[in-house]
Amino acid sequence: MFTTIGYLKTGNKRQQKCYYQLRSIRIFELLESYHPILVGTVPLEIDLPGSDLDIICEVYDFVEFQTIIRNFYSNYKDFTERLSTEDYVANFFIDGHEIEIFAEAQPTTKQLGYRHMMIEYRLLQLFDESFRQNIIRLKTVGYKTEPAFAKLLGLVENPYEALLELEKYSDEELLQYLPV
């Protein structure tokens, strides 16, 4: 699920705009061999104006990947990048929307960004629309996504780790966290 961006084409207005922006720069075609996935708030429809588009990739040769990103995207507004031995991150803007490319040496479906998104998706599917709206409300007052979920679910530990713990729960067990 969410492994291609086709669902954006028929999504809400913001998702549709993102779809056409991403298609216009051919980023998913260019990075296809790196198994790119759009993660974060836009796929889940809990984004705010100005939310960035996070694309994760599976990369084992960071220098080669960096060269590709530089060749195609370094001319975009506010292009920045960071390369380490463990990951590569590039950011730039297109039509006022920030795009972040995050690459690490593991399958994209095993990366934390994807795993967080998938548990958040499950929770959004299990709980009612007011839960989604409360997440958005918390985000508008400054909460990051994972801490917003943790607050509504009553998770007091590290919100990033606590959400990952919920991956192993059945839907019935997750419903126990339904806020009242």
N, C-alpha and C. Protein backbone atom coordinates (compact mmCIF):
# COMPACT_ATOMS: atom_id res chain seq x y z
N MET A 1 0.83 -1.18 0.00
CA MET A 1 0.00 0.00 0.00
C MET A 1 0.89 1.25 0.00
N PHE A 2 0.48 2.25 -0.73
CA PHE A 2 1.18 3.51 -0.87
C PHE A 2 2.51 3.38 -1.62
N THR A 3 2.76 2.25 -2.26
CA THR A 3 4.06 2.06 -2.91
C THR A 3 4.15 2.72 -4.28
N THR A 4 3.04 3.22 -4.79
CA THR A 4 3.05 4.06 -6.00
C THR A 4 2.25 5.31 -5.66
N ILE A 5 2.32 6.32 -6.54
CA ILE A 5 1.62 7.57 -6.24
C ILE A 5 0.30 7.71 -6.99
N GLY A 6 -0.13 6.67 -7.67
CA GLY A 6 -1.36 6.74 -8.44
C GLY A 6 -2.58 7.16 -7.64
N TYR A 7 -2.66 6.78 -6.37
CA TYR A 7 -3.80 7.13 -5.53
C TYR A 7 -3.95 8.63 -5.35
N LEU A 8 -2.83 9.37 -5.48
CA LEU A 8 -2.90 10.82 -5.32
C LEU A 8 -3.74 11.48 -6.41
N LYS A 9 -3.73 10.89 -7.59
CA LYS A 9 -4.42 11.45 -8.75
C LYS A 9 -5.91 11.60 -8.50
N THR A 10 -6.50 10.73 -7.68
CA THR A 10 -7.93 10.79 -7.40
C THR A 10 -8.21 11.19 -5.95
N GLY A 11 -7.19 11.67 -5.26
CA GLY A 11 -7.35 12.05 -3.86
C GLY A 11 -7.92 13.46 -3.71
N ASN A 12 -7.69 14.04 -2.56
CA ASN A 12 -8.17 15.40 -2.32
C ASN A 12 -7.38 16.40 -3.18
N LYS A 13 -7.78 17.66 -3.15
CA LYS A 13 -7.15 18.66 -4.04
C LYS A 13 -5.65 18.77 -3.81
N ARG A 14 -5.23 18.74 -2.56
CA ARG A 14 -3.79 18.83 -2.26
C ARG A 14 -3.06 17.60 -2.81
N GLN A 15 -3.63 16.42 -2.63
CA GLN A 15 -3.00 15.21 -3.15
C GLN A 15 -2.91 15.26 -4.67
N GLN A 16 -3.96 15.73 -5.32
CA GLN A 16 -3.94 15.83 -6.78
C GLN A 16 -2.85 16.80 -7.24
N LYS A 17 -2.73 17.92 -6.55
CA LYS A 17 -1.68 18.89 -6.91
C LYS A 17 -0.30 18.26 -6.73
N CYS A 18 -0.12 17.56 -5.63
CA CYS A 18 1.16 16.89 -5.37
C CYS A 18 1.45 15.86 -6.46
N TYR A 19 0.44 15.13 -6.85
CA TYR A 19 0.61 14.13 -7.91
C TYR A 19 1.18 14.78 -9.17
N TYR A 20 0.56 15.86 -9.59
CA TYR A 20 1.01 16.50 -10.83
C TYR A 20 2.38 17.17 -10.67
N GLN A 21 2.66 17.69 -9.48
CA GLN A 21 3.99 18.26 -9.23
C GLN A 21 5.07 17.17 -9.30
N LEU A 22 4.82 16.06 -8.65
CA LEU A 22 5.80 14.96 -8.66
C LEU A 22 5.95 14.38 -10.05
N ARG A 23 4.86 14.27 -10.78
CA ARG A 23 4.94 13.77 -12.16
C ARG A 23 5.71 14.75 -13.05
N SER A 24 5.54 16.05 -12.80
CA SER A 24 6.19 17.05 -13.65
C SER A 24 7.71 16.99 -13.55
N ILE A 25 8.22 16.56 -12.41
CA ILE A 25 9.68 16.46 -12.26
C ILE A 25 10.17 15.02 -12.41
N ARG A 26 9.27 14.13 -12.74
CA ARG A 26 9.58 12.73 -13.06
C ARG A 26 10.40 12.03 -11.98
N ILE A 27 10.22 12.42 -10.75
CA ILE A 27 11.06 11.90 -9.68
C ILE A 27 10.84 10.41 -9.41
N PHE A 28 9.60 9.95 -9.51
CA PHE A 28 9.35 8.54 -9.24
C PHE A 28 9.85 7.66 -10.39
N GLU A 29 9.80 8.19 -11.59
CA GLU A 29 10.35 7.45 -12.73
C GLU A 29 11.87 7.40 -12.64
N LEU A 30 12.46 8.54 -12.33
CA LEU A 30 13.93 8.62 -12.25
C LEU A 30 14.49 7.72 -11.15
N LEU A 31 13.79 7.66 -10.04
CA LEU A 31 14.28 6.91 -8.87
C LEU A 31 13.65 5.53 -8.74
N GLU A 32 12.99 5.07 -9.77
CA GLU A 32 12.25 3.80 -9.72
C GLU A 32 13.08 2.64 -9.19
N SER A 33 14.33 2.55 -9.59
CA SER A 33 15.16 1.42 -9.15
C SER A 33 15.52 1.49 -7.66
N TYR A 34 15.21 2.63 -7.03
CA TYR A 34 15.48 2.81 -5.60
C TYR A 34 14.21 2.63 -4.76
N HIS A 35 13.14 2.14 -5.40
CA HIS A 35 11.87 1.84 -4.73
C HIS A 35 11.33 3.02 -3.92
N PRO A 36 11.17 4.18 -4.55
CA PRO A 36 10.71 5.37 -3.81
C PRO A 36 9.27 5.21 -3.32
N ILE A 37 9.02 5.75 -2.14
CA ILE A 37 7.67 5.78 -1.57
C ILE A 37 7.46 7.17 -0.97
N LEU A 38 6.32 7.77 -1.28
CA LEU A 38 5.93 9.02 -0.63
C LEU A 38 5.35 8.66 0.73
N VAL A 39 5.94 9.19 1.78
CA VAL A 39 5.48 8.91 3.14
C VAL A 39 5.09 10.22 3.82
N GLY A 40 4.51 10.10 4.99
CA GLY A 40 4.21 11.29 5.77
C GLY A 40 2.74 11.64 5.78
N THR A 41 2.47 12.92 5.90
CA THR A 41 1.12 13.39 6.16
C THR A 41 0.25 13.53 4.91
N VAL A 42 0.84 13.81 3.78
CA VAL A 42 0.04 14.00 2.56
C VAL A 42 -0.69 12.71 2.17
N PRO A 43 -0.04 11.55 2.14
CA PRO A 43 -0.78 10.33 1.82
C PRO A 43 -1.92 10.04 2.80
N LEU A 44 -1.76 10.45 4.04
CA LEU A 44 -2.75 10.16 5.08
C LEU A 44 -3.84 11.23 5.19
N GLU A 45 -3.72 12.30 4.43
CA GLU A 45 -4.67 13.41 4.48
C GLU A 45 -4.72 14.06 5.85
N ILE A 46 -3.55 14.20 6.48
CA ILE A 46 -3.45 14.92 7.75
C ILE A 46 -2.40 16.02 7.63
N ASP A 47 -2.14 16.44 6.40
CA ASP A 47 -1.15 17.47 6.14
C ASP A 47 -1.73 18.85 6.40
N LEU A 48 -0.83 19.78 6.59
CA LEU A 48 -1.17 21.18 6.75
C LEU A 48 -0.63 21.95 5.56
N PRO A 49 -1.14 23.15 5.32
CA PRO A 49 -0.50 23.96 4.27
C PRO A 49 0.98 24.09 4.60
N GLY A 50 1.81 23.86 3.63
CA GLY A 50 3.25 23.94 3.85
C GLY A 50 3.89 22.63 4.25
N SER A 51 3.10 21.57 4.44
CA SER A 51 3.70 20.27 4.75
C SER A 51 4.58 19.84 3.59
N ASP A 52 5.72 19.23 3.92
CA ASP A 52 6.62 18.80 2.86
C ASP A 52 6.21 17.45 2.31
N LEU A 53 6.80 17.10 1.19
CA LEU A 53 6.59 15.81 0.55
C LEU A 53 7.83 14.98 0.82
N ASP A 54 7.69 13.94 1.61
CA ASP A 54 8.82 13.10 2.01
C ASP A 54 8.86 11.86 1.13
N ILE A 55 9.97 11.68 0.45
CA ILE A 55 10.15 10.51 -0.41
C ILE A 55 11.32 9.70 0.15
N ILE A 56 11.04 8.45 0.47
CA ILE A 56 12.11 7.58 0.96
C ILE A 56 12.58 6.66 -0.16
N CYS A 57 13.85 6.31 -0.11
CA CYS A 57 14.45 5.46 -1.14
C CYS A 57 15.37 4.42 -0.49
N GLU A 58 15.50 3.30 -1.18
CA GLU A 58 16.42 2.23 -0.77
C GLU A 58 17.70 2.37 -1.58
N VAL A 59 18.79 2.73 -0.90
CA VAL A 59 20.04 3.06 -1.59
C VAL A 59 21.22 2.37 -0.90
N TYR A 60 22.09 1.79 -1.71
CA TYR A 60 23.28 1.15 -1.17
C TYR A 60 24.55 1.84 -1.63
N ASP A 61 24.48 2.65 -2.66
CA ASP A 61 25.61 3.45 -3.13
C ASP A 61 25.19 4.91 -3.06
N PHE A 62 25.48 5.53 -1.92
CA PHE A 62 25.04 6.89 -1.68
C PHE A 62 25.68 7.90 -2.63
N VAL A 63 26.92 7.69 -3.00
CA VAL A 63 27.61 8.63 -3.89
C VAL A 63 26.94 8.61 -5.27
N GLU A 64 26.63 7.42 -5.76
CA GLU A 64 25.93 7.31 -7.05
C GLU A 64 24.56 7.98 -6.97
N PHE A 65 23.84 7.74 -5.89
CA PHE A 65 22.52 8.33 -5.70
C PHE A 65 22.62 9.85 -5.61
N GLN A 66 23.60 10.33 -4.87
CA GLN A 66 23.81 11.77 -4.74
C GLN A 66 24.06 12.40 -6.10
N THR A 67 24.81 11.74 -6.95
CA THR A 67 25.10 12.26 -8.28
C THR A 67 23.81 12.38 -9.09
N ILE A 68 22.96 11.38 -9.00
CA ILE A 68 21.67 11.43 -9.72
C ILE A 68 20.83 12.59 -9.22
N ILE A 69 20.71 12.71 -7.92
CA ILE A 69 19.89 13.79 -7.34
C ILE A 69 20.46 15.14 -7.73
N ARG A 70 21.75 15.31 -7.64
CA ARG A 70 22.38 16.59 -8.02
C ARG A 70 22.13 16.90 -9.49
N ASN A 71 22.31 15.90 -10.36
CA ASN A 71 22.15 16.13 -11.80
C ASN A 71 20.74 16.59 -12.16
N PHE A 72 19.75 16.09 -11.46
CA PHE A 72 18.37 16.40 -11.85
C PHE A 72 17.68 17.45 -10.99
N TYR A 73 18.12 17.65 -9.74
CA TYR A 73 17.35 18.50 -8.86
C TYR A 73 18.13 19.63 -8.17
N SER A 74 19.43 19.70 -8.36
CA SER A 74 20.22 20.73 -7.67
C SER A 74 19.90 22.15 -8.14
N ASN A 75 19.26 22.27 -9.29
CA ASN A 75 18.91 23.61 -9.79
C ASN A 75 17.58 24.11 -9.23
N TYR A 76 16.90 23.30 -8.44
CA TYR A 76 15.64 23.73 -7.85
C TYR A 76 15.90 24.64 -6.66
N LYS A 77 14.89 25.45 -6.34
CA LYS A 77 14.99 26.46 -5.28
C LYS A 77 15.42 25.83 -3.95
N ASP A 78 16.40 26.48 -3.31
CA ASP A 78 16.87 26.11 -1.98
C ASP A 78 17.34 24.67 -1.86
N PHE A 79 17.96 24.16 -2.90
CA PHE A 79 18.48 22.79 -2.86
C PHE A 79 19.55 22.68 -1.78
N THR A 80 19.40 21.69 -0.90
CA THR A 80 20.43 21.36 0.09
C THR A 80 20.54 19.84 0.15
N GLU A 81 21.68 19.39 0.65
CA GLU A 81 21.86 17.95 0.79
C GLU A 81 22.80 17.66 1.94
N ARG A 82 22.68 16.45 2.46
CA ARG A 82 23.56 15.97 3.53
C ARG A 82 23.84 14.51 3.24
N LEU A 83 25.10 14.18 3.23
CA LEU A 83 25.52 12.80 3.00
C LEU A 83 26.30 12.31 4.20
N SER A 84 25.95 11.13 4.70
CA SER A 84 26.71 10.50 5.77
C SER A 84 26.97 9.06 5.35
N THR A 85 27.59 8.32 6.22
CA THR A 85 27.84 6.91 5.90
C THR A 85 26.57 6.08 6.02
N GLU A 86 25.55 6.62 6.70
CA GLU A 86 24.32 5.86 6.95
C GLU A 86 23.13 6.29 6.12
N ASP A 87 23.15 7.53 5.62
CA ASP A 87 22.01 8.00 4.84
C ASP A 87 22.37 9.21 3.99
N TYR A 88 21.41 9.58 3.17
CA TYR A 88 21.54 10.77 2.31
C TYR A 88 20.20 11.48 2.35
N VAL A 89 20.24 12.81 2.49
CA VAL A 89 19.03 13.62 2.51
C VAL A 89 19.22 14.80 1.58
N ALA A 90 18.23 15.05 0.74
CA ALA A 90 18.22 16.23 -0.12
C ALA A 90 16.87 16.92 0.03
N ASN A 91 16.90 18.23 0.01
CA ASN A 91 15.68 19.04 0.09
C ASN A 91 15.71 20.08 -1.02
N PHE A 92 14.54 20.36 -1.57
CA PHE A 92 14.39 21.45 -2.53
C PHE A 92 12.92 21.80 -2.63
N PHE A 93 12.63 22.90 -3.31
CA PHE A 93 11.26 23.37 -3.44
C PHE A 93 10.82 23.35 -4.89
N ILE A 94 9.55 23.00 -5.09
CA ILE A 94 8.93 23.10 -6.40
C ILE A 94 7.56 23.74 -6.19
N ASP A 95 7.32 24.82 -6.86
CA ASP A 95 6.03 25.53 -6.76
C ASP A 95 5.62 25.76 -5.31
N GLY A 96 6.58 26.14 -4.48
CA GLY A 96 6.28 26.46 -3.09
C GLY A 96 6.18 25.28 -2.16
N HIS A 97 6.31 24.06 -2.66
CA HIS A 97 6.24 22.87 -1.81
C HIS A 97 7.62 22.25 -1.65
N GLU A 98 7.99 22.00 -0.40
CA GLU A 98 9.29 21.38 -0.14
C GLU A 98 9.21 19.88 -0.40
N ILE A 99 10.23 19.39 -1.04
CA ILE A 99 10.40 17.95 -1.25
C ILE A 99 11.64 17.53 -0.50
N GLU A 100 11.51 16.45 0.28
CA GLU A 100 12.66 15.88 0.97
C GLU A 100 12.83 14.46 0.48
N ILE A 101 14.04 14.15 0.05
CA ILE A 101 14.40 12.81 -0.37
C ILE A 101 15.30 12.23 0.71
N PHE A 102 14.89 11.12 1.25
CA PHE A 102 15.67 10.45 2.30
C PHE A 102 16.03 9.07 1.79
N ALA A 103 17.31 8.76 1.83
CA ALA A 103 17.77 7.45 1.36
C ALA A 103 18.58 6.77 2.45
N GLU A 104 18.29 5.48 2.63
CA GLU A 104 19.11 4.66 3.52
C GLU A 104 19.19 3.25 2.96
N ALA A 105 20.15 2.50 3.49
CA ALA A 105 20.46 1.18 2.95
C ALA A 105 19.59 0.09 3.56
N GLN A 106 18.31 0.19 3.33
CA GLN A 106 17.37 -0.88 3.69
C GLN A 106 16.11 -0.69 2.86
N PRO A 107 15.34 -1.77 2.68
CA PRO A 107 14.13 -1.65 1.88
C PRO A 107 13.22 -0.54 2.39
N THR A 108 12.59 0.16 1.48
CA THR A 108 11.75 1.30 1.88
C THR A 108 10.61 0.87 2.81
N THR A 109 10.07 -0.32 2.61
CA THR A 109 8.96 -0.75 3.47
C THR A 109 9.42 -1.14 4.88
N LYS A 110 10.72 -1.17 5.11
CA LYS A 110 11.27 -1.44 6.45
C LYS A 110 11.74 -0.16 7.14
N GLN A 111 11.78 0.93 6.39
CA GLN A 111 12.27 2.19 6.96
C GLN A 111 11.24 2.78 7.93
N LEU A 112 11.73 3.53 8.90
CA LEU A 112 10.87 4.08 9.95
C LEU A 112 9.76 4.97 9.39
N GLY A 113 10.07 5.78 8.39
CA GLY A 113 9.06 6.67 7.82
C GLY A 113 7.87 5.91 7.28
N TYR A 114 8.11 4.81 6.62
CA TYR A 114 7.02 3.98 6.08
C TYR A 114 6.28 3.26 7.21
N ARG A 115 7.03 2.72 8.14
CA ARG A 115 6.41 1.98 9.24
C ARG A 115 5.52 2.90 10.08
N HIS A 116 6.01 4.11 10.38
CA HIS A 116 5.18 5.06 11.12
C HIS A 116 3.91 5.38 10.33
N MET A 117 4.06 5.64 9.04
CA MET A 117 2.90 5.98 8.23
C MET A 117 1.88 4.85 8.23
N MET A 118 2.34 3.62 8.16
CA MET A 118 1.41 2.49 8.08
C MET A 118 0.63 2.28 9.39
N ILE A 119 1.27 2.46 10.53
CA ILE A 119 0.52 2.32 11.79
C ILE A 119 -0.43 3.50 11.94
N GLU A 120 0.00 4.68 11.52
CA GLU A 120 -0.89 5.84 11.58
C GLU A 120 -2.09 5.63 10.65
N TYR A 121 -1.85 5.06 9.49
CA TYR A 121 -2.93 4.76 8.55
C TYR A 121 -3.94 3.80 9.19
N ARG A 122 -3.44 2.74 9.81
CA ARG A 122 -4.33 1.78 10.48
C ARG A 122 -5.18 2.46 11.54
N LEU A 123 -4.55 3.31 12.33
CA LEU A 123 -5.29 4.02 13.39
C LEU A 123 -6.35 4.93 12.79
N LEU A 124 -5.99 5.64 11.73
CA LEU A 124 -6.96 6.53 11.09
C LEU A 124 -8.13 5.75 10.49
N GLN A 125 -7.86 4.54 10.02
CA GLN A 125 -8.94 3.70 9.49
C GLN A 125 -9.83 3.15 10.59
N LEU A 126 -9.24 2.85 11.74
CA LEU A 126 -10.01 2.26 12.84
C LEU A 126 -10.86 3.29 13.60
N PHE A 127 -10.33 4.49 13.75
CA PHE A 127 -11.01 5.50 14.55
C PHE A 127 -11.84 6.40 13.63
N ASP A 128 -12.69 7.21 14.23
CA ASP A 128 -13.60 8.03 13.43
C ASP A 128 -12.93 9.31 12.93
N GLU A 129 -13.70 10.07 12.16
CA GLU A 129 -13.19 11.31 11.56
C GLU A 129 -12.75 12.32 12.61
N SER A 130 -13.37 12.31 13.77
CA SER A 130 -12.96 13.27 14.81
C SER A 130 -11.53 13.01 15.27
N PHE A 131 -11.10 11.75 15.22
CA PHE A 131 -9.71 11.43 15.57
C PHE A 131 -8.77 12.11 14.57
N ARG A 132 -9.07 11.98 13.27
CA ARG A 132 -8.27 12.63 12.23
C ARG A 132 -8.24 14.14 12.44
N GLN A 133 -9.39 14.70 12.73
CA GLN A 133 -9.46 16.15 12.92
C GLN A 133 -8.68 16.59 14.16
N ASN A 134 -8.69 15.77 15.20
CA ASN A 134 -7.90 16.10 16.40
C ASN A 134 -6.40 16.02 16.12
N ILE A 135 -5.99 15.08 15.27
CA ILE A 135 -4.57 15.03 14.86
C ILE A 135 -4.21 16.32 14.15
N ILE A 136 -5.03 16.72 13.21
CA ILE A 136 -4.77 17.96 12.45
C ILE A 136 -4.77 19.15 13.39
N ARG A 137 -5.70 19.20 14.32
CA ARG A 137 -5.77 20.31 15.28
C ARG A 137 -4.48 20.39 16.10
N LEU A 138 -4.00 19.26 16.59
CA LEU A 138 -2.75 19.26 17.35
C LEU A 138 -1.57 19.72 16.48
N LYS A 139 -1.57 19.31 15.23
CA LYS A 139 -0.50 19.71 14.33
C LYS A 139 -0.53 21.23 14.10
N THR A 140 -1.73 21.81 14.04
CA THR A 140 -1.81 23.26 13.82
C THR A 140 -1.28 24.06 15.00
N VAL A 141 -1.24 23.45 16.19
CA VAL A 141 -0.70 24.16 17.34
C VAL A 141 0.75 23.77 17.63
N GLY A 142 1.39 23.06 16.69
CA GLY A 142 2.81 22.83 16.80
C GLY A 142 3.28 21.41 17.02
N TYR A 143 2.38 20.47 17.23
CA TYR A 143 2.79 19.09 17.41
C TYR A 143 3.28 18.50 16.09
N LYS A 144 4.32 17.70 16.15
CA LYS A 144 4.72 16.88 15.02
C LYS A 144 3.74 15.70 14.94
N THR A 145 3.76 15.00 13.84
CA THR A 145 2.76 13.96 13.61
C THR A 145 2.77 12.86 14.67
N GLU A 146 3.91 12.23 14.90
CA GLU A 146 3.97 11.12 15.85
C GLU A 146 3.61 11.55 17.26
N PRO A 147 4.13 12.69 17.75
CA PRO A 147 3.70 13.15 19.08
C PRO A 147 2.20 13.45 19.16
N ALA A 148 1.59 13.91 18.06
CA ALA A 148 0.14 14.15 18.07
C ALA A 148 -0.62 12.84 18.24
N PHE A 149 -0.21 11.81 17.51
CA PHE A 149 -0.84 10.50 17.67
C PHE A 149 -0.66 10.00 19.10
N ALA A 150 0.56 10.09 19.61
CA ALA A 150 0.85 9.60 20.95
C ALA A 150 0.00 10.31 22.00
N LYS A 151 -0.15 11.62 21.85
CA LYS A 151 -0.95 12.38 22.82
C LYS A 151 -2.39 11.89 22.81
N LEU A 152 -2.98 11.75 21.64
CA LEU A 152 -4.37 11.31 21.57
C LEU A 152 -4.57 9.87 22.05
N LEU A 153 -3.54 9.06 21.90
CA LEU A 153 -3.63 7.65 22.31
C LEU A 153 -3.22 7.43 23.76
N GLY A 154 -2.72 8.48 24.41
CA GLY A 154 -2.29 8.35 25.79
C GLY A 154 -0.97 7.61 25.95
N LEU A 155 -0.15 7.64 24.92
CA LEU A 155 1.16 6.98 24.97
C LEU A 155 2.15 7.96 25.59
N VAL A 156 2.76 7.58 26.69
CA VAL A 156 3.62 8.52 27.41
C VAL A 156 5.11 8.33 27.11
N GLU A 157 5.46 7.20 26.52
CA GLU A 157 6.87 6.96 26.19
C GLU A 157 7.25 7.80 24.97
N ASN A 158 8.46 7.58 24.48
CA ASN A 158 8.92 8.21 23.25
C ASN A 158 7.88 7.94 22.16
N PRO A 159 7.26 8.98 21.58
CA PRO A 159 6.16 8.75 20.64
C PRO A 159 6.56 7.95 19.40
N TYR A 160 7.78 8.12 18.95
CA TYR A 160 8.24 7.42 17.74
C TYR A 160 8.37 5.92 18.01
N GLU A 161 8.92 5.57 19.17
CA GLU A 161 9.06 4.17 19.54
C GLU A 161 7.72 3.57 19.95
N ALA A 162 6.91 4.35 20.65
CA ALA A 162 5.62 3.85 21.12
C ALA A 162 4.72 3.49 19.95
N LEU A 163 4.72 4.30 18.90
CA LEU A 163 3.90 3.98 17.73
C LEU A 163 4.37 2.69 17.06
N LEU A 164 5.68 2.50 16.99
CA LEU A 164 6.20 1.28 16.38
C LEU A 164 5.80 0.04 17.18
N GLU A 165 5.67 0.19 18.49
CA GLU A 165 5.22 -0.93 19.32
C GLU A 165 3.82 -1.36 18.93
N LEU A 166 3.01 -0.42 18.45
CA LEU A 166 1.63 -0.74 18.09
C LEU A 166 1.52 -1.56 16.81
N GLU A 167 2.59 -1.65 16.03
CA GLU A 167 2.56 -2.42 14.78
C GLU A 167 2.10 -3.86 15.01
N LYS A 168 2.52 -4.43 16.12
CA LYS A 168 2.25 -5.86 16.35
C LYS A 168 0.85 -6.11 16.90
N TYR A 169 0.12 -5.05 17.22
CA TYR A 169 -1.21 -5.19 17.79
C TYR A 169 -2.24 -5.51 16.71
N SER A 170 -3.23 -6.30 17.06
CA SER A 170 -4.36 -6.54 16.15
C SER A 170 -5.24 -5.29 16.15
N ASP A 171 -6.14 -5.23 15.19
CA ASP A 171 -7.07 -4.10 15.15
C ASP A 171 -7.90 -4.04 16.43
N GLU A 172 -8.31 -5.18 16.94
CA GLU A 172 -9.11 -5.22 18.17
C GLU A 172 -8.31 -4.64 19.34
N GLU A 173 -7.03 -4.99 19.40
CA GLU A 173 -6.18 -4.44 20.48
C GLU A 173 -5.97 -2.94 20.30
N LEU A 174 -5.82 -2.49 19.05
CA LEU A 174 -5.65 -1.06 18.80
C LEU A 174 -6.89 -0.28 19.20
N LEU A 175 -8.05 -0.87 19.04
CA LEU A 175 -9.29 -0.17 19.40
C LEU A 175 -9.36 0.15 20.88
N GLN A 176 -8.57 -0.54 21.69
CA GLN A 176 -8.51 -0.24 23.12
C GLN A 176 -7.94 1.15 23.37
N TYR A 177 -7.19 1.67 22.38
CA TYR A 177 -6.59 2.99 22.53
C TYR A 177 -7.51 4.11 22.04
N LEU A 178 -8.70 3.74 21.59
CA LEU A 178 -9.64 4.73 21.06
C LEU A 178 -9.87 5.82 22.11
N PRO A 179 -9.54 7.05 21.74
CA PRO A 179 -9.76 8.13 22.69
C PRO A 179 -11.26 8.34 22.94
N VAL A 180 -11.59 8.73 24.16
CA VAL A 180 -13.00 8.98 24.50
C VAL A 180 -13.33 10.45 24.38
